[in-house]
């Protein structure tokens, strides 16, 4: 079951401080998949929703590996995720999150901005 997500992101759905379970960018398919915990304390599988961006282009990351997979022990917390409609029908997406490694060190801010043709919630 899926439903459109771009209207939610334009309206400013509150995703701040939500934990990321997965960051998966595939340049060949131009798709970005984010799995997001919607329960702050020890989310189970039913508390995780998937956000899929299709038709991703114009990607800029800071640092360059900002969309690298989180890995088994790494964690991420969303700082900002929003969208703005553009004249050409695409949407400009801003995604900022804090990544913490398995060693429990200080989090590093990761930022990605890109355009997407579509986005949808799964689950």
PDB file of N, CA and C in Angstrom:
ATOM      1  N   UNK A   1       0.841  -1.160   0.000  1.00  0.00           N
ATOM      2  CA  UNK A   1       0.000   0.000   0.000  1.00  0.00           C
ATOM      3  C   UNK A   1       0.900   1.241   0.000  1.00  0.00           C
ATOM      4  N   UNK A   2       0.654   2.161  -0.943  1.00  0.00           N
ATOM      5  CA  UNK A   2       1.436   3.385  -0.992  1.00  0.00           C
ATOM      6  C   UNK A   2       0.508   4.578  -1.140  1.00  0.00           C
ATOM      7  N   UNK A   3       1.047   5.731  -0.754  1.00  0.00           N
ATOM      8  CA  UNK A   3       0.288   6.967  -0.932  1.00  0.00           C
ATOM      9  C   UNK A   3       1.279   8.081  -1.224  1.00  0.00           C
ATOM     10  N   UNK A   4       0.840   9.126  -1.926  1.00  0.00           N
ATOM     11  CA  UNK A   4       1.746  10.228  -2.274  1.00  0.00           C
ATOM     12  C   UNK A   4       2.343  10.886  -1.028  1.00  0.00           C
ATOM     13  N   UNK A   5       3.595  11.339  -1.156  1.00  0.00           N
ATOM     14  CA  UNK A   5       4.275  11.944  -0.015  1.00  0.00           C
ATOM     15  C   UNK A   5       4.652  13.401  -0.236  1.00  0.00           C
ATOM     16  N   UNK A   6       4.689  13.853  -1.490  1.00  0.00           N
ATOM     17  CA  UNK A   6       5.169  15.206  -1.752  1.00  0.00           C
ATOM     18  C   UNK A   6       4.288  16.274  -1.110  1.00  0.00           C
ATOM     19  N   UNK A   7       2.985  16.070  -1.116  1.00  0.00           N
ATOM     20  CA  UNK A   7       2.098  17.054  -0.465  1.00  0.00           C
ATOM     21  C   UNK A   7       2.401  17.155   1.028  1.00  0.00           C
ATOM     22  N   UNK A   8       2.687  16.025   1.666  1.00  0.00           N
ATOM     23  CA  UNK A   8       3.054  16.021   3.092  1.00  0.00           C
ATOM     24  C   UNK A   8       4.327  16.831   3.326  1.00  0.00           C
ATOM     25  N   UNK A   9       5.324  16.614   2.454  1.00  0.00           N
ATOM     26  CA  UNK A   9       6.609  17.286   2.630  1.00  0.00           C
ATOM     27  C   UNK A   9       6.496  18.786   2.356  1.00  0.00           C
ATOM     28  N   UNK A  10       5.698  19.174   1.365  1.00  0.00           N
ATOM     29  CA  UNK A  10       5.485  20.591   1.083  1.00  0.00           C
ATOM     30  C   UNK A  10       4.754  21.252   2.249  1.00  0.00           C
ATOM     31  N   UNK A  11       3.782  20.542   2.820  1.00  0.00           N
ATOM     32  CA  UNK A  11       3.007  21.083   3.940  1.00  0.00           C
ATOM     33  C   UNK A  11       3.830  21.161   5.224  1.00  0.00           C
ATOM     34  N   UNK A  12       4.966  20.487   5.262  1.00  0.00           N
ATOM     35  CA  UNK A  12       5.829  20.562   6.443  1.00  0.00           C
ATOM     36  C   UNK A  12       5.562  19.486   7.475  1.00  0.00           C
ATOM     37  N   UNK A  13       5.304  18.253   7.032  1.00  0.00           N
ATOM     38  CA  UNK A  13       5.108  17.153   7.973  1.00  0.00           C
ATOM     39  C   UNK A  13       6.301  17.113   8.934  1.00  0.00           C
ATOM     40  N   UNK A  14       6.040  16.929  10.207  1.00  0.00           N
ATOM     41  CA  UNK A  14       7.089  16.994  11.221  1.00  0.00           C
ATOM     42  C   UNK A  14       7.846  15.677  11.292  1.00  0.00           C
ATOM     43  N   UNK A  15       9.045  15.674  10.730  1.00  0.00           N
ATOM     44  CA  UNK A  15       9.913  14.497  10.791  1.00  0.00           C
ATOM     45  C   UNK A  15      11.168  14.774  11.611  1.00  0.00           C
ATOM     46  N   UNK A  16      11.258  15.962  12.204  1.00  0.00           N
ATOM     47  CA  UNK A  16      12.435  16.317  12.976  1.00  0.00           C
ATOM     48  C   UNK A  16      12.602  15.357  14.146  1.00  0.00           C
ATOM     49  N   UNK A  17      13.832  14.923  14.362  1.00  0.00           N
ATOM     50  CA  UNK A  17      14.239  14.011  15.433  1.00  0.00           C
ATOM     51  C   UNK A  17      13.750  12.580  15.240  1.00  0.00           C
ATOM     52  N   UNK A  18      13.178  12.247  14.091  1.00  0.00           N
ATOM     53  CA  UNK A  18      12.823  10.857  13.803  1.00  0.00           C
ATOM     54  C   UNK A  18      14.101  10.102  13.455  1.00  0.00           C
ATOM     55  N   UNK A  19      14.184   8.873  13.900  1.00  0.00           N
ATOM     56  CA  UNK A  19      15.369   8.059  13.645  1.00  0.00           C
ATOM     57  C   UNK A  19      15.274   7.411  12.267  1.00  0.00           C
ATOM     58  N   UNK A  20      16.422   7.326  11.600  1.00  0.00           N
ATOM     59  CA  UNK A  20      16.499   6.663  10.300  1.00  0.00           C
ATOM     60  C   UNK A  20      16.915   5.214  10.493  1.00  0.00           C
ATOM     61  N   UNK A  21      16.203   4.305   9.851  1.00  0.00           N
ATOM     62  CA  UNK A  21      16.579   2.895   9.878  1.00  0.00           C
ATOM     63  C   UNK A  21      17.375   2.526   8.635  1.00  0.00           C
ATOM     64  N   UNK A  22      17.193   3.309   7.548  1.00  0.00           N
ATOM     65  CA  UNK A  22      17.850   2.981   6.280  1.00  0.00           C
ATOM     66  C   UNK A  22      17.977   4.229   5.438  1.00  0.00           C
ATOM     67  N   UNK A  23      19.130   4.375   4.802  1.00  0.00           N
ATOM     68  CA  UNK A  23      19.344   5.359   3.744  1.00  0.00           C
ATOM     69  C   UNK A  23      19.898   4.566   2.574  1.00  0.00           C
ATOM     70  N   UNK A  24      19.176   4.547   1.452  1.00  0.00           N
ATOM     71  CA  UNK A  24      19.604   3.763   0.293  1.00  0.00           C
ATOM     72  C   UNK A  24      19.407   4.585  -0.977  1.00  0.00           C
ATOM     73  N   UNK A  25      20.512   5.044  -1.559  1.00  0.00           N
ATOM     74  CA  UNK A  25      20.451   5.790  -2.813  1.00  0.00           C
ATOM     75  C   UNK A  25      20.983   4.915  -3.932  1.00  0.00           C
ATOM     76  N   UNK A  26      20.207   4.789  -5.012  1.00  0.00           N
ATOM     77  CA  UNK A  26      20.616   4.016  -6.173  1.00  0.00           C
ATOM     78  C   UNK A  26      20.652   4.955  -7.373  1.00  0.00           C
ATOM     79  N   UNK A  27      21.859   5.313  -7.814  1.00  0.00           N
ATOM     80  CA  UNK A  27      22.017   6.252  -8.922  1.00  0.00           C
ATOM     81  C   UNK A  27      21.521   5.666 -10.245  1.00  0.00           C
ATOM     82  N   UNK A  28      21.624   4.365 -10.419  1.00  0.00           N
ATOM     83  CA  UNK A  28      21.185   3.736 -11.674  1.00  0.00           C
ATOM     84  C   UNK A  28      19.678   3.872 -11.872  1.00  0.00           C
ATOM     85  N   UNK A  29      18.920   3.721 -10.810  1.00  0.00           N
ATOM     86  CA  UNK A  29      17.459   3.821 -10.906  1.00  0.00           C
ATOM     87  C   UNK A  29      16.956   5.211 -10.549  1.00  0.00           C
ATOM     88  N   UNK A  30      17.880   6.099 -10.138  1.00  0.00           N
ATOM     89  CA  UNK A  30      17.546   7.458  -9.691  1.00  0.00           C
ATOM     90  C   UNK A  30      16.492   7.427  -8.587  1.00  0.00           C
ATOM     91  N   UNK A  31      16.755   6.592  -7.587  1.00  0.00           N
ATOM     92  CA  UNK A  31      15.806   6.397  -6.489  1.00  0.00           C
ATOM     93  C   UNK A  31      16.524   6.519  -5.146  1.00  0.00           C
ATOM     94  N   UNK A  32      15.865   7.210  -4.204  1.00  0.00           N
ATOM     95  CA  UNK A  32      16.339   7.311  -2.829  1.00  0.00           C
ATOM     96  C   UNK A  32      15.265   6.739  -1.922  1.00  0.00           C
ATOM     97  N   UNK A  33      15.668   5.821  -1.049  1.00  0.00           N
ATOM     98  CA  UNK A  33      14.744   5.192  -0.110  1.00  0.00           C
ATOM     99  C   UNK A  33      15.197   5.524   1.306  1.00  0.00           C
ATOM    100  N   UNK A  34      14.256   6.035   2.106  1.00  0.00           N
ATOM    101  CA  UNK A  34      14.504   6.302   3.518  1.00  0.00           C
ATOM    102  C   UNK A  34      13.510   5.488   4.333  1.00  0.00           C
ATOM    103  N   UNK A  35      13.998   4.766   5.327  1.00  0.00           N
ATOM    104  CA  UNK A  35      13.103   4.072   6.265  1.00  0.00           C
ATOM    105  C   UNK A  35      13.193   4.840   7.571  1.00  0.00           C
ATOM    106  N   UNK A  36      12.020   5.265   8.075  1.00  0.00           N
ATOM    107  CA  UNK A  36      11.957   6.186   9.199  1.00  0.00           C
ATOM    108  C   UNK A  36      11.168   5.583  10.346  1.00  0.00           C
ATOM    109  N   UNK A  37      11.761   5.643  11.554  1.00  0.00           N
ATOM    110  CA  UNK A  37      11.059   5.208  12.765  1.00  0.00           C
ATOM    111  C   UNK A  37      10.040   6.274  13.155  1.00  0.00           C
ATOM    112  N   UNK A  38       8.818   5.856  13.437  1.00  0.00           N
ATOM    113  CA  UNK A  38       7.791   6.803  13.878  1.00  0.00           C
ATOM    114  C   UNK A  38       7.430   6.611  15.332  1.00  0.00           C
ATOM    115  N   UNK A  39       8.220   5.866  16.062  1.00  0.00           N
ATOM    116  CA  UNK A  39       8.058   5.715  17.506  1.00  0.00           C
ATOM    117  C   UNK A  39       9.405   6.070  18.118  1.00  0.00           C
ATOM    118  N   UNK A  40       9.439   7.067  18.969  1.00  0.00           N
ATOM    119  CA  UNK A  40      10.710   7.555  19.504  1.00  0.00           C
ATOM    120  C   UNK A  40      11.431   6.543  20.380  1.00  0.00           C
ATOM    121  N   UNK A  41      10.705   5.722  21.102  1.00  0.00           N
ATOM    122  CA  UNK A  41      11.351   4.805  22.037  1.00  0.00           C
ATOM    123  C   UNK A  41      11.239   3.361  21.554  1.00  0.00           C
ATOM    124  N   UNK A  42      12.336   2.812  21.044  1.00  0.00           N
ATOM    125  CA  UNK A  42      12.411   1.407  20.662  1.00  0.00           C
ATOM    126  C   UNK A  42      11.356   0.952  19.673  1.00  0.00           C
ATOM    127  N   UNK A  43      11.362   1.519  18.509  1.00  0.00           N
ATOM    128  CA  UNK A  43      10.344   1.206  17.508  1.00  0.00           C
ATOM    129  C   UNK A  43      10.433  -0.239  17.057  1.00  0.00           C
ATOM    130  N   UNK A  44       9.284  -0.845  16.877  1.00  0.00           N
ATOM    131  CA  UNK A  44       9.236  -2.192  16.310  1.00  0.00           C
ATOM    132  C   UNK A  44       9.062  -2.059  14.807  1.00  0.00           C
ATOM    133  N   UNK A  45       9.032  -3.168  14.100  1.00  0.00           N
ATOM    134  CA  UNK A  45       8.925  -3.139  12.642  1.00  0.00           C
ATOM    135  C   UNK A  45       7.665  -2.417  12.190  1.00  0.00           C
ATOM    136  N   UNK A  46       6.590  -2.516  12.939  1.00  0.00           N
ATOM    137  CA  UNK A  46       5.341  -1.867  12.531  1.00  0.00           C
ATOM    138  C   UNK A  46       5.404  -0.347  12.700  1.00  0.00           C
ATOM    139  N   UNK A  47       6.405   0.176  13.391  1.00  0.00           N
ATOM    140  CA  UNK A  47       6.546   1.610  13.604  1.00  0.00           C
ATOM    141  C   UNK A  47       7.468   2.265  12.578  1.00  0.00           C
ATOM    142  N   UNK A  48       7.852   1.523  11.560  1.00  0.00           N
ATOM    143  CA  UNK A  48       8.760   2.036  10.542  1.00  0.00           C
ATOM    144  C   UNK A  48       7.993   2.235   9.244  1.00  0.00           C
ATOM    145  N   UNK A  49       8.162   3.438   8.640  1.00  0.00           N
ATOM    146  CA  UNK A  49       7.548   3.726   7.343  1.00  0.00           C
ATOM    147  C   UNK A  49       8.654   4.008   6.338  1.00  0.00           C
ATOM    148  N   UNK A  50       8.380   3.691   5.099  1.00  0.00           N
ATOM    149  CA  UNK A  50       9.350   3.871   4.034  1.00  0.00           C
ATOM    150  C   UNK A  50       8.933   5.035   3.152  1.00  0.00           C
ATOM    151  N   UNK A  51       9.880   5.904   2.870  1.00  0.00           N
ATOM    152  CA  UNK A  51       9.672   7.039   1.980  1.00  0.00           C
ATOM    153  C   UNK A  51      10.555   6.833   0.755  1.00  0.00           C
ATOM    154  N   UNK A  52       9.933   6.781  -0.428  1.00  0.00           N
ATOM    155  CA  UNK A  52      10.652   6.515  -1.667  1.00  0.00           C
ATOM    156  C   UNK A  52      10.575   7.744  -2.568  1.00  0.00           C
ATOM    157  N   UNK A  53      11.732   8.247  -2.972  1.00  0.00           N
ATOM    158  CA  UNK A  53      11.814   9.338  -3.942  1.00  0.00           C
ATOM    159  C   UNK A  53      12.194   8.736  -5.292  1.00  0.00           C
ATOM    160  N   UNK A  54      11.409   9.021  -6.326  1.00  0.00           N
ATOM    161  CA  UNK A  54      11.688   8.532  -7.675  1.00  0.00           C
ATOM    162  C   UNK A  54      12.067   9.692  -8.582  1.00  0.00           C
ATOM    163  N   UNK A  55      12.861   9.383  -9.603  1.00  0.00           N
ATOM    164  CA  UNK A  55      13.270  10.407 -10.555  1.00  0.00           C
ATOM    165  C   UNK A  55      14.180  11.447  -9.934  1.00  0.00           C
ATOM    166  N   UNK A  56      15.121  11.003  -9.120  1.00  0.00           N
ATOM    167  CA  UNK A  56      16.036  11.910  -8.422  1.00  0.00           C
ATOM    168  C   UNK A  56      17.091  12.430  -9.409  1.00  0.00           C
ATOM    169  N   UNK A  57      17.286  13.753  -9.432  1.00  0.00           N
ATOM    170  CA  UNK A  57      18.344  14.340 -10.255  1.00  0.00           C
ATOM    171  C   UNK A  57      18.830  15.621  -9.587  1.00  0.00           C
ATOM    172  N   UNK A  58      19.960  16.141 -10.072  1.00  0.00           N
ATOM    173  CA  UNK A  58      20.526  17.362  -9.498  1.00  0.00           C
ATOM    174  C   UNK A  58      20.985  17.179  -8.067  1.00  0.00           C
ATOM    175  N   UNK A  59      21.504  16.005  -7.762  1.00  0.00           N
ATOM    176  CA  UNK A  59      21.886  15.675  -6.391  1.00  0.00           C
ATOM    177  C   UNK A  59      23.173  16.388  -5.979  1.00  0.00           C
ATOM    178  N   UNK A  60      23.137  16.993  -4.796  1.00  0.00           N
ATOM    179  CA  UNK A  60      24.327  17.588  -4.188  1.00  0.00           C
ATOM    180  C   UNK A  60      24.386  17.126  -2.734  1.00  0.00           C
ATOM    181  N   UNK A  61      25.519  16.560  -2.339  1.00  0.00           N
ATOM    182  CA  UNK A  61      25.686  16.056  -0.965  1.00  0.00           C
ATOM    183  C   UNK A  61      26.859  16.748  -0.287  1.00  0.00           C
ATOM    184  N   UNK A  62      26.707  16.995   0.999  1.00  0.00           N
ATOM    185  CA  UNK A  62      27.781  17.545   1.807  1.00  0.00           C
ATOM    186  C   UNK A  62      27.765  16.837   3.152  1.00  0.00           C
ATOM    187  N   UNK A  63      28.748  16.029   3.461  1.00  0.00           N
ATOM    188  CA  UNK A  63      29.899  15.616   2.671  1.00  0.00           C
ATOM    189  C   UNK A  63      29.471  14.750   1.483  1.00  0.00           C
ATOM    190  N   UNK A  64      30.392  14.471   0.559  1.00  0.00           N
ATOM    191  CA  UNK A  64      30.040  13.724  -0.647  1.00  0.00           C
ATOM    192  C   UNK A  64      29.393  12.359  -0.384  1.00  0.00           C
ATOM    193  N   UNK A  65      29.681  11.733   0.746  1.00  0.00           N
ATOM    194  CA  UNK A  65      29.114  10.412   1.068  1.00  0.00           C
ATOM    195  C   UNK A  65      27.895  10.514   1.983  1.00  0.00           C
ATOM    196  N   UNK A  66      27.186  11.625   1.960  1.00  0.00           N
ATOM    197  CA  UNK A  66      26.051  11.822   2.865  1.00  0.00           C
ATOM    198  C   UNK A  66      24.954  10.773   2.691  1.00  0.00           C
ATOM    199  N   UNK A  67      24.801  10.244   1.482  1.00  0.00           N
ATOM    200  CA  UNK A  67      23.764   9.235   1.253  1.00  0.00           C
ATOM    201  C   UNK A  67      24.309   7.807   1.242  1.00  0.00           C
ATOM    202  N   UNK A  68      25.490   7.629   1.801  1.00  0.00           N
ATOM    203  CA  UNK A  68      26.036   6.274   1.944  1.00  0.00           C
ATOM    204  C   UNK A  68      25.164   5.488   2.927  1.00  0.00           C
ATOM    205  N   UNK A  69      25.048   4.171   2.733  1.00  0.00           N
ATOM    206  CA  UNK A  69      24.236   3.371   3.665  1.00  0.00           C
ATOM    207  C   UNK A  69      24.696   3.559   5.110  1.00  0.00           C
ATOM    208  N   UNK A  70      23.727   3.479   6.033  1.00  0.00           N
ATOM    209  CA  UNK A  70      24.040   3.672   7.454  1.00  0.00           C
ATOM    210  C   UNK A  70      24.878   2.540   8.026  1.00  0.00           C
ATOM    211  N   UNK A  71      24.708   1.335   7.565  1.00  0.00           N
ATOM    212  CA  UNK A  71      25.431   0.204   8.127  1.00  0.00           C
ATOM    213  C   UNK A  71      24.706  -0.361   9.337  1.00  0.00           C
ATOM    214  N   UNK A  72      25.245  -1.439   9.859  1.00  0.00           N
ATOM    215  CA  UNK A  72      24.592  -2.169  10.953  1.00  0.00           C
ATOM    216  C   UNK A  72      24.476  -1.361  12.238  1.00  0.00           C
ATOM    217  N   UNK A  73      25.547  -0.722  12.646  1.00  0.00           N
ATOM    218  CA  UNK A  73      25.578  -0.065  13.949  1.00  0.00           C
ATOM    219  C   UNK A  73      25.407   1.442  13.888  1.00  0.00           C
ATOM    220  N   UNK A  74      25.505   2.033  12.715  1.00  0.00           N
ATOM    221  CA  UNK A  74      25.370   3.483  12.598  1.00  0.00           C
ATOM    222  C   UNK A  74      23.906   3.890  12.781  1.00  0.00           C
ATOM    223  N   UNK A  75      23.709   5.111  13.221  1.00  0.00           N
ATOM    224  CA  UNK A  75      22.359   5.627  13.435  1.00  0.00           C
ATOM    225  C   UNK A  75      22.255   7.008  12.814  1.00  0.00           C
ATOM    226  N   UNK A  76      21.038   7.391  12.501  1.00  0.00           N
ATOM    227  CA  UNK A  76      20.808   8.719  11.948  1.00  0.00           C
ATOM    228  C   UNK A  76      19.524   9.303  12.502  1.00  0.00           C
ATOM    229  N   UNK A  77      19.496  10.610  12.705  1.00  0.00           N
ATOM    230  CA  UNK A  77      18.309  11.317  13.171  1.00  0.00           C
ATOM    231  C   UNK A  77      18.034  12.469  12.216  1.00  0.00           C
ATOM    232  N   UNK A  78      16.806  12.565  11.740  1.00  0.00           N
ATOM    233  CA  UNK A  78      16.441  13.605  10.798  1.00  0.00           C
ATOM    234  C   UNK A  78      16.441  14.961  11.492  1.00  0.00           C
ATOM    235  N   UNK A  79      17.091  15.921  10.857  1.00  0.00           N
ATOM    236  CA  UNK A  79      17.066  17.305  11.314  1.00  0.00           C
ATOM    237  C   UNK A  79      16.047  18.083  10.482  1.00  0.00           C
ATOM    238  N   UNK A  80      16.055  17.843   9.178  1.00  0.00           N
ATOM    239  CA  UNK A  80      15.152  18.552   8.272  1.00  0.00           C
ATOM    240  C   UNK A  80      14.883  17.712   7.034  1.00  0.00           C
ATOM    241  N   UNK A  81      13.635  17.663   6.619  1.00  0.00           N
ATOM    242  CA  UNK A  81      13.248  17.015   5.366  1.00  0.00           C
ATOM    243  C   UNK A  81      12.019  17.745   4.842  1.00  0.00           C
ATOM    244  N   UNK A  82      12.209  18.500   3.772  1.00  0.00           N
ATOM    245  CA  UNK A  82      11.077  19.245   3.218  1.00  0.00           C
ATOM    246  C   UNK A  82      11.190  19.333   1.705  1.00  0.00           C
ATOM    247  N   UNK A  83      10.107  19.822   1.085  1.00  0.00           N
ATOM    248  CA  UNK A  83      10.038  19.910  -0.373  1.00  0.00           C
ATOM    249  C   UNK A  83       9.415  21.231  -0.784  1.00  0.00           C
ATOM    250  N   UNK A  84       9.851  21.728  -1.960  1.00  0.00           N
ATOM    251  CA  UNK A  84       9.265  22.917  -2.569  1.00  0.00           C
ATOM    252  C   UNK A  84       8.955  22.597  -4.026  1.00  0.00           C
ATOM    253  N   UNK A  85       7.746  22.911  -4.492  1.00  0.00           N
ATOM    254  CA  UNK A  85       7.434  22.676  -5.901  1.00  0.00           C
ATOM    255  C   UNK A  85       8.201  23.641  -6.803  1.00  0.00           C
ATOM    256  N   UNK A  86       8.582  23.159  -7.999  1.00  0.00           N
ATOM    257  CA  UNK A  86       9.282  23.967  -8.996  1.00  0.00           C
ATOM    258  C   UNK A  86       8.400  24.118 -10.230  1.00  0.00           C
ATOM    259  N   UNK A  87       8.729  25.075 -11.080  1.00  0.00           N
ATOM    260  CA  UNK A  87       7.922  25.363 -12.266  1.00  0.00           C
ATOM    261  C   UNK A  87       7.815  24.180 -13.224  1.00  0.00           C
ATOM    262  N   UNK A  88       8.840  23.370 -13.326  1.00  0.00           N
ATOM    263  CA  UNK A  88       8.862  22.254 -14.273  1.00  0.00           C
ATOM    264  C   UNK A  88       8.077  21.030 -13.819  1.00  0.00           C
ATOM    265  N   UNK A  89       7.411  21.107 -12.674  1.00  0.00           N
ATOM    266  CA  UNK A  89       6.640  19.977 -12.175  1.00  0.00           C
ATOM    267  C   UNK A  89       7.395  19.107 -11.194  1.00  0.00           C
ATOM    268  N   UNK A  90       8.714  19.298 -11.097  1.00  0.00           N
ATOM    269  CA  UNK A  90       9.493  18.536 -10.121  1.00  0.00           C
ATOM    270  C   UNK A  90       9.481  19.266  -8.790  1.00  0.00           C
ATOM    271  N   UNK A  91      10.055  18.620  -7.780  1.00  0.00           N
ATOM    272  CA  UNK A  91      10.123  19.185  -6.433  1.00  0.00           C
ATOM    273  C   UNK A  91      11.578  19.244  -5.995  1.00  0.00           C
ATOM    274  N   UNK A  92      11.918  20.319  -5.304  1.00  0.00           N
ATOM    275  CA  UNK A  92      13.249  20.467  -4.733  1.00  0.00           C
ATOM    276  C   UNK A  92      13.199  19.971  -3.298  1.00  0.00           C
ATOM    277  N   UNK A  93      14.043  19.015  -2.984  1.00  0.00           N
ATOM    278  CA  UNK A  93      14.047  18.368  -1.671  1.00  0.00           C
ATOM    279  C   UNK A  93      15.300  18.774  -0.902  1.00  0.00           C
ATOM    280  N   UNK A  94      15.129  19.096   0.366  1.00  0.00           N
ATOM    281  CA  UNK A  94      16.246  19.351   1.278  1.00  0.00           C
ATOM    282  C   UNK A  94      16.181  18.299   2.384  1.00  0.00           C
ATOM    283  N   UNK A  95      17.276  17.566   2.550  1.00  0.00           N
ATOM    284  CA  UNK A  95      17.347  16.479   3.534  1.00  0.00           C
ATOM    285  C   UNK A  95      18.613  16.661   4.352  1.00  0.00           C
ATOM    286  N   UNK A  96      18.449  16.864   5.654  1.00  0.00           N
ATOM    287  CA  UNK A  96      19.575  17.037   6.566  1.00  0.00           C
ATOM    288  C   UNK A  96      19.371  16.094   7.746  1.00  0.00           C
ATOM    289  N   UNK A  97      20.424  15.358   8.085  1.00  0.00           N
ATOM    290  CA  UNK A  97      20.325  14.468   9.240  1.00  0.00           C
ATOM    291  C   UNK A  97      21.662  14.375   9.956  1.00  0.00           C
ATOM    292  N   UNK A  98      21.612  13.910  11.199  1.00  0.00           N
ATOM    293  CA  UNK A  98      22.812  13.702  12.004  1.00  0.00           C
ATOM    294  C   UNK A  98      23.140  12.217  11.984  1.00  0.00           C
ATOM    295  N   UNK A  99      24.370  11.891  11.609  1.00  0.00           N
ATOM    296  CA  UNK A  99      24.825  10.496  11.543  1.00  0.00           C
ATOM    297  C   UNK A  99      25.775  10.230  12.696  1.00  0.00           C
ATOM    298  N   UNK A 100      25.497   9.138  13.423  1.00  0.00           N
ATOM    299  CA  UNK A 100      26.367   8.693  14.512  1.00  0.00           C
ATOM    300  C   UNK A 100      26.902   7.314  14.165  1.00  0.00           C
ATOM    301  N   UNK A 101      28.194   7.146  14.316  1.00  0.00           N
ATOM    302  CA  UNK A 101      28.822   5.868  14.039  1.00  0.00           C
ATOM    303  C   UNK A 101      28.614   4.875  15.159  1.00  0.00           C
ATOM    304  N   UNK A 102      29.076   3.665  14.937  1.00  0.00           N
ATOM    305  CA  UNK A 102      28.949   2.598  15.926  1.00  0.00           C
ATOM    306  C   UNK A 102      29.747   2.896  17.190  1.00  0.00           C
ATOM    307  N   UNK A 103      30.785   3.726  17.060  1.00  0.00           N
ATOM    308  CA  UNK A 103      31.632   4.025  18.217  1.00  0.00           C
ATOM    309  C   UNK A 103      30.977   4.987  19.205  1.00  0.00           C
ATOM    310  N   UNK A 104      29.798   5.524  18.849  1.00  0.00           N
ATOM    311  CA  UNK A 104      29.092   6.418  19.758  1.00  0.00           C
ATOM    312  C   UNK A 104      29.682   7.812  19.825  1.00  0.00           C
ATOM    313  N   UNK A 105      30.545   8.148  18.869  1.00  0.00           N
ATOM    314  CA  UNK A 105      31.163   9.469  18.847  1.00  0.00           C
ATOM    315  C   UNK A 105      30.160  10.561  18.539  1.00  0.00           C
ATOM    316  N   UNK A 106      30.667  11.764  18.439  1.00  0.00           N
ATOM    317  CA  UNK A 106      29.818  12.922  18.156  1.00  0.00           C
ATOM    318  C   UNK A 106      29.166  12.765  16.784  1.00  0.00           C
ATOM    319  N   UNK A 107      27.905  13.146  16.663  1.00  0.00           N
ATOM    320  CA  UNK A 107      27.233  13.043  15.373  1.00  0.00           C
ATOM    321  C   UNK A 107      27.796  14.050  14.372  1.00  0.00           C
ATOM    322  N   UNK A 108      27.760  13.676  13.099  1.00  0.00           N
ATOM    323  CA  UNK A 108      28.161  14.581  12.025  1.00  0.00           C
ATOM    324  C   UNK A 108      26.936  14.911  11.191  1.00  0.00           C
ATOM    325  N   UNK A 109      26.823  16.155  10.811  1.00  0.00           N
ATOM    326  CA  UNK A 109      25.679  16.590  10.009  1.00  0.00           C
ATOM    327  C   UNK A 109      25.897  16.202   8.554  1.00  0.00           C
ATOM    328  N   UNK A 110      24.882  15.597   7.965  1.00  0.00           N
ATOM    329  CA  UNK A 110      24.899  15.169   6.571  1.00  0.00           C
ATOM    330  C   UNK A 110      23.785  15.918   5.856  1.00  0.00           C
ATOM    331  N   UNK A 111      24.059  16.450   4.680  1.00  0.00           N
ATOM    332  CA  UNK A 111      23.047  17.205   3.940  1.00  0.00           C
ATOM    333  C   UNK A 111      22.999  16.742   2.496  1.00  0.00           C
ATOM    334  N   UNK A 112      21.795  16.677   1.963  1.00  0.00           N
ATOM    335  CA  UNK A 112      21.598  16.363   0.550  1.00  0.00           C
ATOM    336  C   UNK A 112      20.475  17.242   0.026  1.00  0.00           C
ATOM    337  N   UNK A 113      20.693  17.813  -1.141  1.00  0.00           N
ATOM    338  CA  UNK A 113      19.622  18.541  -1.813  1.00  0.00           C
ATOM    339  C   UNK A 113      19.515  17.956  -3.215  1.00  0.00           C
ATOM    340  N   UNK A 114      18.293  17.832  -3.695  1.00  0.00           N
ATOM    341  CA  UNK A 114      18.070  17.213  -4.998  1.00  0.00           C
ATOM    342  C   UNK A 114      16.679  17.559  -5.493  1.00  0.00           C
ATOM    343  N   UNK A 115      16.426  17.234  -6.734  1.00  0.00           N
ATOM    344  CA  UNK A 115      15.101  17.347  -7.317  1.00  0.00           C
ATOM    345  C   UNK A 115      14.540  15.943  -7.464  1.00  0.00           C
ATOM    346  N   UNK A 116      13.236  15.815  -7.304  1.00  0.00           N
ATOM    347  CA  UNK A 116      12.573  14.516  -7.474  1.00  0.00           C
ATOM    348  C   UNK A 116      11.277  14.722  -8.242  1.00  0.00           C
ATOM    349  N   UNK A 117      10.957  13.747  -9.077  1.00  0.00           N
ATOM    350  CA  UNK A 117       9.705  13.806  -9.837  1.00  0.00           C
ATOM    351  C   UNK A 117       8.526  13.296  -9.048  1.00  0.00           C
ATOM    352  N   UNK A 118       8.789  12.404  -8.085  1.00  0.00           N
ATOM    353  CA  UNK A 118       7.714  11.809  -7.308  1.00  0.00           C
ATOM    354  C   UNK A 118       8.248  11.303  -5.977  1.00  0.00           C
ATOM    355  N   UNK A 119       7.364  11.161  -5.014  1.00  0.00           N
ATOM    356  CA  UNK A 119       7.697  10.554  -3.729  1.00  0.00           C
ATOM    357  C   UNK A 119       6.445   9.900  -3.189  1.00  0.00           C
ATOM    358  N   UNK A 120       6.637   8.788  -2.487  1.00  0.00           N
ATOM    359  CA  UNK A 120       5.482   8.074  -1.923  1.00  0.00           C
ATOM    360  C   UNK A 120       5.867   7.398  -0.620  1.00  0.00           C
ATOM    361  N   UNK A 121       4.865   7.261   0.230  1.00  0.00           N
ATOM    362  CA  UNK A 121       4.997   6.518   1.492  1.00  0.00           C
ATOM    363  C   UNK A 121       4.599   5.069   1.226  1.00  0.00           C
ATOM    364  N   UNK A 122       5.370   4.144   1.741  1.00  0.00           N
ATOM    365  CA  UNK A 122       5.018   2.729   1.706  1.00  0.00           C
ATOM    366  C   UNK A 122       4.768   2.269   3.126  1.00  0.00           C
ATOM    367  N   UNK A 123       3.731   1.490   3.325  1.00  0.00           N
ATOM    368  CA  UNK A 123       3.433   0.945   4.643  1.00  0.00           C
ATOM    369  C   UNK A 123       2.646   1.843   5.537  1.00  0.00           C
TER     370      UNK A 123
END
